[in-house]
Amino acid sequence: MKKAIKRKVILVSLPFLLLLLPILAFFSLFVGSNSSSDTDINTNTPQQQTVMLS
C-alpha cells in the first residue's frame, strides 16, 4: 500500500520537477556569470609586465 502511494506521489511530482530543473539551471548560470564579471582584478602587475617584455 505504501509503495503505491509513493509511486503516485513521484509520478505526479515528476513533471513539475522536470519543468523546474531547467529554470533553476538557467538562473544559476546567469547569476554565476554576473557575480564573476562584477569584480575588478588588477592583472597589470610588475611581474606580469616583466614576463610580457621578455
C-alpha atoms as a PDB file:
ATOM      1  CA  MET A   1       0.000   0.000   0.000  1.00  0.00           C
ATOM      2  CA  LYS A   2       2.748   2.465   0.937  1.00  0.00           C
ATOM      3  CA  LYS A   3       4.678   1.661  -2.235  1.00  0.00           C
ATOM      4  CA  ALA A   4       1.657   2.501  -4.353  1.00  0.00           C
ATOM      5  CA  ILE A   5       1.231   5.871  -2.624  1.00  0.00           C
ATOM      6  CA  LYS A   6       4.939   6.668  -3.023  1.00  0.00           C
ATOM      7  CA  ARG A   7       4.778   5.765  -6.678  1.00  0.00           C
ATOM      8  CA  LYS A   8       1.755   8.006  -7.266  1.00  0.00           C
ATOM      9  CA  VAL A   9       3.412  10.929  -5.487  1.00  0.00           C
ATOM     10  CA  ILE A  10       6.560  10.531  -7.580  1.00  0.00           C
ATOM     11  CA  LEU A  11       4.607  10.263 -10.816  1.00  0.00           C
ATOM     12  CA  VAL A  12       2.561  13.359 -10.001  1.00  0.00           C
ATOM     13  CA  SER A  13       5.563  15.458  -8.935  1.00  0.00           C
ATOM     14  CA  LEU A  14       7.873  14.374 -11.767  1.00  0.00           C
ATOM     15  CA  PRO A  15       6.507  16.784 -14.423  1.00  0.00           C
ATOM     16  CA  PHE A  16       6.879  19.718 -12.013  1.00  0.00           C
ATOM     17  CA  LEU A  17      10.449  18.754 -11.206  1.00  0.00           C
ATOM     18  CA  LEU A  18      11.323  18.363 -14.877  1.00  0.00           C
ATOM     19  CA  LEU A  19       9.905  21.827 -15.547  1.00  0.00           C
ATOM     20  CA  LEU A  20      11.662  23.398 -12.573  1.00  0.00           C
ATOM     21  CA  LEU A  21      15.115  21.901 -13.188  1.00  0.00           C
ATOM     22  CA  PRO A  22      15.969  23.787 -16.433  1.00  0.00           C
ATOM     23  CA  ILE A  23      14.683  27.045 -14.943  1.00  0.00           C
ATOM     24  CA  LEU A  24      16.893  26.653 -11.873  1.00  0.00           C
ATOM     25  CA  ALA A  25      19.879  25.714 -14.037  1.00  0.00           C
ATOM     26  CA  PHE A  26      19.390  28.810 -16.207  1.00  0.00           C
ATOM     27  CA  PHE A  27      19.200  31.137 -13.222  1.00  0.00           C
ATOM     28  CA  SER A  28      22.202  29.554 -11.524  1.00  0.00           C
ATOM     29  CA  LEU A  29      24.303  30.047 -14.649  1.00  0.00           C
ATOM     30  CA  PHE A  30      23.052  33.597 -15.134  1.00  0.00           C
ATOM     31  CA  VAL A  31      23.715  34.633 -11.535  1.00  0.00           C
ATOM     32  CA  GLY A  32      27.095  32.869 -11.501  1.00  0.00           C
ATOM     33  CA  SER A  33      28.295  34.620 -14.650  1.00  0.00           C
ATOM     34  CA  ASN A  34      27.250  38.054 -13.373  1.00  0.00           C
ATOM     35  CA  SER A  35      28.920  37.708  -9.993  1.00  0.00           C
ATOM     36  CA  SER A  36      32.279  36.804 -11.503  1.00  0.00           C
ATOM     37  CA  SER A  37      32.249  39.671 -14.024  1.00  0.00           C
ATOM     38  CA  ASP A  38      31.459  42.343 -11.421  1.00  0.00           C
ATOM     39  CA  THR A  39      34.827  42.135  -9.672  1.00  0.00           C
ATOM     40  CA  ASP A  40      37.710  44.341 -10.753  1.00  0.00           C
ATOM     41  CA  ILE A  41      41.005  42.492 -10.769  1.00  0.00           C
ATOM     42  CA  ASN A  42      44.238  44.296 -11.493  1.00  0.00           C
ATOM     43  CA  THR A  43      46.248  41.930 -13.681  1.00  0.00           C
ATOM     44  CA  ASN A  44      48.783  44.564 -14.691  1.00  0.00           C
ATOM     45  CA  THR A  45      51.398  43.805 -12.039  1.00  0.00           C
ATOM     46  CA  PRO A  46      55.144  44.500 -12.437  1.00  0.00           C
ATOM     47  CA  GLN A  47      55.851  40.778 -12.582  1.00  0.00           C
ATOM     48  CA  GLN A  48      53.467  40.331 -15.480  1.00  0.00           C
ATOM     49  CA  GLN A  49      54.965  43.335 -17.265  1.00  0.00           C
ATOM     50  CA  THR A  50      58.418  41.747 -16.969  1.00  0.00           C
ATOM     51  CA  VAL A  51      57.146  38.467 -18.374  1.00  0.00           C
ATOM     52  CA  MET A  52      55.430  40.265 -21.248  1.00  0.00           C
ATOM     53  CA  LEU A  53      58.612  42.176 -22.163  1.00  0.00           C
ATOM     54  CA  SER A  54      60.875  39.171 -22.328  1.00  0.00           C
END
